C-alpha cells in the first residue's frame, strides 16, 4: 500500500486526536508523580509532544490537572509552540484556499 493512500483526512484527524490525548495523559501522569514524589515526565518530553501537535492536549491537561500553569520558562515555550502551530495552520489553510480558487 503506497504511503499516499494512508495520508487521508480521517487518518490525519485520528493521529491528531491520539497525539493530543497522549499529551493530555502525560500531564496527568506527571501531576500524579509530582504529588507522589516519584519519577517525573521531563518538561522536554511534555513540550516535544505539544510541538508534535499536542498543544490542545497540553493546555487541557494544564487546566484540568492545574499543572505547570505558572512554571517559567515552560509556559512561555508552550505559548510559543501554540502560536507557531496557529500560524502554520493559517498558512496551510491559505495555500489550500489559494489552490482551490
N, C-alpha and C. Protein backbone atom coordinates (compact mmCIF):
# COMPACT_ATOMS: atom_id res chain seq x y z
N UNK A 1 0.85 -1.18 0.00
CA UNK A 1 0.00 0.00 0.00
C UNK A 1 0.90 1.24 0.00
N UNK A 2 0.69 2.13 -0.95
CA UNK A 2 1.52 3.34 -1.00
C UNK A 2 1.21 4.28 0.17
N UNK A 3 2.22 5.06 0.53
CA UNK A 3 2.08 5.99 1.65
C UNK A 3 0.97 7.01 1.40
N UNK A 4 0.80 7.42 0.17
CA UNK A 4 -0.23 8.42 -0.14
C UNK A 4 -1.63 7.91 0.17
N UNK A 5 -1.83 6.58 0.13
CA UNK A 5 -3.13 6.02 0.46
C UNK A 5 -3.43 6.16 1.95
N UNK A 6 -2.39 6.25 2.77
CA UNK A 6 -2.57 6.41 4.21
C UNK A 6 -2.77 7.86 4.62
N UNK A 7 -2.38 8.79 3.75
CA UNK A 7 -2.46 10.21 4.07
C UNK A 7 -3.84 10.75 3.70
N UNK A 8 -4.81 10.36 4.50
CA UNK A 8 -6.17 10.82 4.29
C UNK A 8 -6.56 11.74 5.44
N UNK A 9 -7.59 12.52 5.23
CA UNK A 9 -8.07 13.43 6.28
C UNK A 9 -8.51 12.67 7.53
N UNK A 10 -9.28 11.58 7.40
CA UNK A 10 -9.66 10.85 8.63
C UNK A 10 -8.44 10.30 9.38
N UNK A 11 -7.44 9.81 8.67
CA UNK A 11 -6.23 9.31 9.34
C UNK A 11 -5.48 10.44 10.03
N UNK A 12 -5.38 11.58 9.37
CA UNK A 12 -4.68 12.73 9.95
C UNK A 12 -5.41 13.23 11.20
N UNK A 13 -6.73 13.29 11.13
CA UNK A 13 -7.50 13.74 12.30
C UNK A 13 -7.41 12.73 13.44
N UNK A 14 -7.39 11.45 13.11
CA UNK A 14 -7.23 10.42 14.13
C UNK A 14 -5.88 10.50 14.82
N UNK A 15 -4.84 10.72 14.03
CA UNK A 15 -3.50 10.86 14.60
C UNK A 15 -3.42 12.12 15.47
N UNK A 16 -4.01 13.20 15.00
CA UNK A 16 -4.05 14.44 15.76
C UNK A 16 -4.74 14.22 17.11
N UNK A 17 -5.86 13.50 17.10
CA UNK A 17 -6.59 13.22 18.34
C UNK A 17 -5.75 12.35 19.28
N UNK A 18 -5.07 11.34 18.73
CA UNK A 18 -4.23 10.47 19.57
C UNK A 18 -3.07 11.23 20.20
N UNK A 19 -2.43 12.10 19.43
CA UNK A 19 -1.31 12.88 19.97
C UNK A 19 -1.79 13.79 21.08
N UNK A 20 -2.94 14.40 20.90
CA UNK A 20 -3.48 15.28 21.94
C UNK A 20 -3.92 14.50 23.17
N UNK A 21 -4.51 13.34 22.98
CA UNK A 21 -4.88 12.51 24.12
C UNK A 21 -3.65 12.07 24.89
N UNK A 22 -2.61 11.64 24.17
CA UNK A 22 -1.37 11.21 24.82
C UNK A 22 -0.74 12.36 25.60
N UNK A 23 -0.69 13.54 25.00
CA UNK A 23 -0.11 14.70 25.67
C UNK A 23 -0.91 15.04 26.94
N UNK A 24 -2.22 15.02 26.82
CA UNK A 24 -3.10 15.27 27.97
C UNK A 24 -2.80 14.27 29.10
N UNK A 25 -2.70 12.99 28.74
CA UNK A 25 -2.43 11.96 29.73
C UNK A 25 -1.06 12.13 30.37
N UNK A 26 -0.07 12.56 29.59
CA UNK A 26 1.26 12.79 30.15
C UNK A 26 1.23 13.88 31.22
N UNK A 27 0.45 14.92 31.00
CA UNK A 27 0.32 15.97 32.02
C UNK A 27 -0.30 15.39 33.29
N UNK A 28 -1.30 14.52 33.14
CA UNK A 28 -1.91 13.89 34.30
C UNK A 28 -0.95 12.97 35.03
N UNK A 29 -0.19 12.19 34.29
CA UNK A 29 0.79 11.29 34.90
C UNK A 29 1.86 12.10 35.63
N UNK A 30 2.33 13.17 35.01
CA UNK A 30 3.36 13.98 35.66
C UNK A 30 2.83 14.62 36.93
N UNK A 31 1.58 15.06 36.91
CA UNK A 31 0.98 15.65 38.12
C UNK A 31 0.88 14.61 39.24
N UNK A 32 0.46 13.39 38.89
CA UNK A 32 0.35 12.34 39.90
C UNK A 32 1.73 11.97 40.46
N UNK A 33 2.71 11.89 39.58
CA UNK A 33 4.06 11.57 40.03
C UNK A 33 4.64 12.69 40.88
N UNK A 34 4.34 13.92 40.55
CA UNK A 34 4.82 15.05 41.34
C UNK A 34 4.23 14.98 42.75
N UNK A 35 2.96 14.67 42.85
CA UNK A 35 2.30 14.58 44.15
C UNK A 35 2.85 13.41 44.97
N UNK A 36 3.23 12.33 44.27
CA UNK A 36 3.75 11.14 44.96
C UNK A 36 5.25 11.24 45.23
N UNK A 37 5.90 12.21 44.63
CA UNK A 37 7.35 12.36 44.80
C UNK A 37 8.16 11.32 44.06
N UNK A 38 7.60 10.74 43.00
CA UNK A 38 8.32 9.73 42.22
C UNK A 38 8.85 10.33 40.92
N UNK A 39 9.37 9.47 40.05
CA UNK A 39 9.97 9.92 38.78
C UNK A 39 9.01 10.72 37.94
N UNK A 40 9.49 11.81 37.39
CA UNK A 40 8.65 12.76 36.67
C UNK A 40 8.80 12.60 35.17
N UNK A 41 7.82 13.10 34.44
CA UNK A 41 7.91 13.26 32.99
C UNK A 41 8.67 14.57 32.77
N UNK A 42 9.70 14.54 31.95
CA UNK A 42 10.51 15.74 31.77
C UNK A 42 9.72 16.84 31.06
N UNK A 43 10.10 18.08 31.36
CA UNK A 43 9.47 19.21 30.66
C UNK A 43 9.76 19.12 29.17
N UNK A 44 10.93 18.64 28.83
CA UNK A 44 11.28 18.48 27.42
C UNK A 44 10.33 17.53 26.71
N UNK A 45 9.98 16.43 27.38
CA UNK A 45 9.04 15.47 26.77
C UNK A 45 7.66 16.10 26.62
N UNK A 46 7.21 16.83 27.63
CA UNK A 46 5.90 17.48 27.55
C UNK A 46 5.85 18.49 26.41
N UNK A 47 6.90 19.28 26.28
CA UNK A 47 6.95 20.29 25.21
C UNK A 47 7.12 19.64 23.84
N UNK A 48 7.85 18.54 23.77
CA UNK A 48 8.02 17.84 22.49
C UNK A 48 6.69 17.31 21.98
N UNK A 49 5.90 16.71 22.87
CA UNK A 49 4.59 16.21 22.46
C UNK A 49 3.67 17.37 22.07
N UNK A 50 3.78 18.50 22.75
CA UNK A 50 2.99 19.67 22.35
C UNK A 50 3.41 20.12 20.96
N UNK A 51 4.71 20.14 20.70
CA UNK A 51 5.23 20.56 19.40
C UNK A 51 4.79 19.60 18.29
N UNK A 52 4.66 18.33 18.61
CA UNK A 52 4.24 17.32 17.63
C UNK A 52 2.74 17.37 17.35
N UNK A 53 2.06 18.37 17.84
CA UNK A 53 0.64 18.54 17.56
C UNK A 53 -0.25 18.44 18.77
N UNK A 54 0.33 18.28 19.95
CA UNK A 54 -0.46 18.08 21.15
C UNK A 54 -0.70 19.31 21.98
N UNK A 55 -0.68 20.48 21.39
CA UNK A 55 -0.89 21.71 22.15
C UNK A 55 -2.25 21.77 22.82
N UNK A 56 -3.27 21.32 22.13
CA UNK A 56 -4.61 21.34 22.72
C UNK A 56 -4.65 20.43 23.94
N UNK A 57 -4.06 19.25 23.83
CA UNK A 57 -3.99 18.33 24.97
C UNK A 57 -3.16 18.90 26.11
N UNK A 58 -2.10 19.63 25.75
CA UNK A 58 -1.25 20.24 26.78
C UNK A 58 -2.02 21.31 27.55
N UNK A 59 -2.72 22.17 26.84
CA UNK A 59 -3.49 23.21 27.51
C UNK A 59 -4.64 22.61 28.33
N UNK A 60 -5.28 21.57 27.80
CA UNK A 60 -6.36 20.92 28.54
C UNK A 60 -5.81 20.25 29.81
N UNK A 61 -4.66 19.59 29.69
CA UNK A 61 -4.04 18.95 30.84
C UNK A 61 -3.62 19.96 31.90
N UNK A 62 -3.06 21.07 31.45
CA UNK A 62 -2.68 22.13 32.40
C UNK A 62 -3.90 22.63 33.16
N UNK A 63 -4.99 22.84 32.44
CA UNK A 63 -6.19 23.39 33.07
C UNK A 63 -6.84 22.38 34.01
N UNK A 64 -7.03 21.14 33.54
CA UNK A 64 -7.73 20.15 34.35
C UNK A 64 -6.92 19.71 35.56
N UNK A 65 -5.63 19.48 35.35
CA UNK A 65 -4.79 18.98 36.44
C UNK A 65 -4.14 20.11 37.24
N UNK A 66 -4.34 21.35 36.81
CA UNK A 66 -3.70 22.52 37.44
C UNK A 66 -2.20 22.28 37.61
N UNK A 67 -1.59 21.96 36.47
CA UNK A 67 -0.20 21.53 36.48
C UNK A 67 0.62 22.40 35.53
N UNK A 68 1.71 22.91 36.02
CA UNK A 68 2.65 23.74 35.25
C UNK A 68 1.99 24.99 34.69
N UNK A 69 1.08 25.57 35.44
CA UNK A 69 0.38 26.76 34.96
C UNK A 69 1.18 28.04 35.16
N UNK A 70 2.07 28.07 36.15
CA UNK A 70 2.87 29.28 36.40
C UNK A 70 4.35 29.05 36.19
N UNK A 71 4.72 27.86 35.79
CA UNK A 71 6.13 27.48 35.65
C UNK A 71 6.74 28.19 34.44
N UNK A 72 7.82 28.93 34.69
CA UNK A 72 8.55 29.61 33.61
C UNK A 72 9.93 28.98 33.51
N UNK A 73 10.50 28.82 32.36
CA UNK A 73 10.03 29.27 31.04
C UNK A 73 9.10 28.29 30.34
N UNK A 74 8.66 27.23 31.04
CA UNK A 74 7.79 26.23 30.43
C UNK A 74 6.56 26.86 29.78
N UNK A 75 5.87 27.72 30.51
CA UNK A 75 4.64 28.34 29.99
C UNK A 75 4.93 29.17 28.74
N UNK A 76 6.02 29.90 28.74
CA UNK A 76 6.38 30.70 27.57
C UNK A 76 6.66 29.83 26.37
N UNK A 77 7.37 28.73 26.60
CA UNK A 77 7.66 27.81 25.49
C UNK A 77 6.39 27.19 24.93
N UNK A 78 5.47 26.82 25.81
CA UNK A 78 4.21 26.25 25.34
C UNK A 78 3.41 27.27 24.55
N UNK A 79 3.38 28.51 25.00
CA UNK A 79 2.68 29.56 24.24
C UNK A 79 3.33 29.77 22.87
N UNK A 80 4.65 29.76 22.82
CA UNK A 80 5.35 29.92 21.55
C UNK A 80 5.02 28.79 20.58
N UNK A 81 4.97 27.57 21.10
CA UNK A 81 4.62 26.41 20.27
C UNK A 81 3.22 26.57 19.72
N UNK A 82 2.27 26.98 20.56
CA UNK A 82 0.89 27.14 20.13
C UNK A 82 0.77 28.23 19.06
N UNK A 83 1.48 29.33 19.24
CA UNK A 83 1.45 30.41 18.25
C UNK A 83 2.03 29.92 16.92
N UNK A 84 3.13 29.19 16.98
CA UNK A 84 3.74 28.62 15.77
C UNK A 84 2.76 27.71 15.05
N UNK A 85 2.04 26.88 15.80
CA UNK A 85 1.09 25.96 15.19
C UNK A 85 -0.10 26.69 14.58
N UNK A 86 -0.58 27.72 15.24
CA UNK A 86 -1.70 28.51 14.68
C UNK A 86 -1.26 29.17 13.37
N UNK A 87 -0.05 29.71 13.35
CA UNK A 87 0.47 30.33 12.12
C UNK A 87 0.62 29.29 11.01
N UNK A 88 1.11 28.10 11.35
CA UNK A 88 1.29 27.05 10.35
C UNK A 88 -0.07 26.61 9.78
N UNK A 89 -1.07 26.47 10.63
CA UNK A 89 -2.40 26.07 10.16
C UNK A 89 -3.00 27.18 9.28
N UNK A 90 -2.82 28.43 9.68
CA UNK A 90 -3.34 29.55 8.88
C UNK A 90 -2.65 29.60 7.52
N UNK A 91 -1.35 29.39 7.51
CA UNK A 91 -0.59 29.40 6.26
C UNK A 91 -1.02 28.25 5.35
N UNK A 92 -1.16 27.07 5.93
CA UNK A 92 -1.59 25.92 5.14
C UNK A 92 -3.01 26.12 4.61
N UNK A 93 -3.87 26.69 5.46
CA UNK A 93 -5.24 26.97 5.02
C UNK A 93 -5.27 27.99 3.88
N UNK A 94 -4.40 29.00 3.99
CA UNK A 94 -4.32 29.98 2.91
C UNK A 94 -3.86 29.37 1.61
N UNK A 95 -2.86 28.50 1.69
CA UNK A 95 -2.38 27.82 0.48
C UNK A 95 -3.47 26.93 -0.12
N UNK A 96 -4.22 26.25 0.75
CA UNK A 96 -5.28 25.38 0.25
C UNK A 96 -6.37 26.21 -0.42
N UNK A 97 -6.74 27.33 0.17
CA UNK A 97 -7.76 28.19 -0.42
C UNK A 97 -7.28 28.82 -1.73
N UNK A 98 -6.00 29.20 -1.76
CA UNK A 98 -5.46 29.79 -2.99
C UNK A 98 -5.42 28.76 -4.12
N UNK A 99 -5.13 27.52 -3.77
CA UNK A 99 -5.10 26.47 -4.78
C UNK A 99 -6.49 26.08 -5.25
N UNK A 100 -7.49 26.29 -4.40
CA UNK A 100 -8.85 25.91 -4.74
C UNK A 100 -9.52 26.96 -5.63
N UNK A 101 -8.97 28.16 -5.65
CA UNK A 101 -9.58 29.24 -6.46
C UNK A 101 -9.21 29.14 -7.90
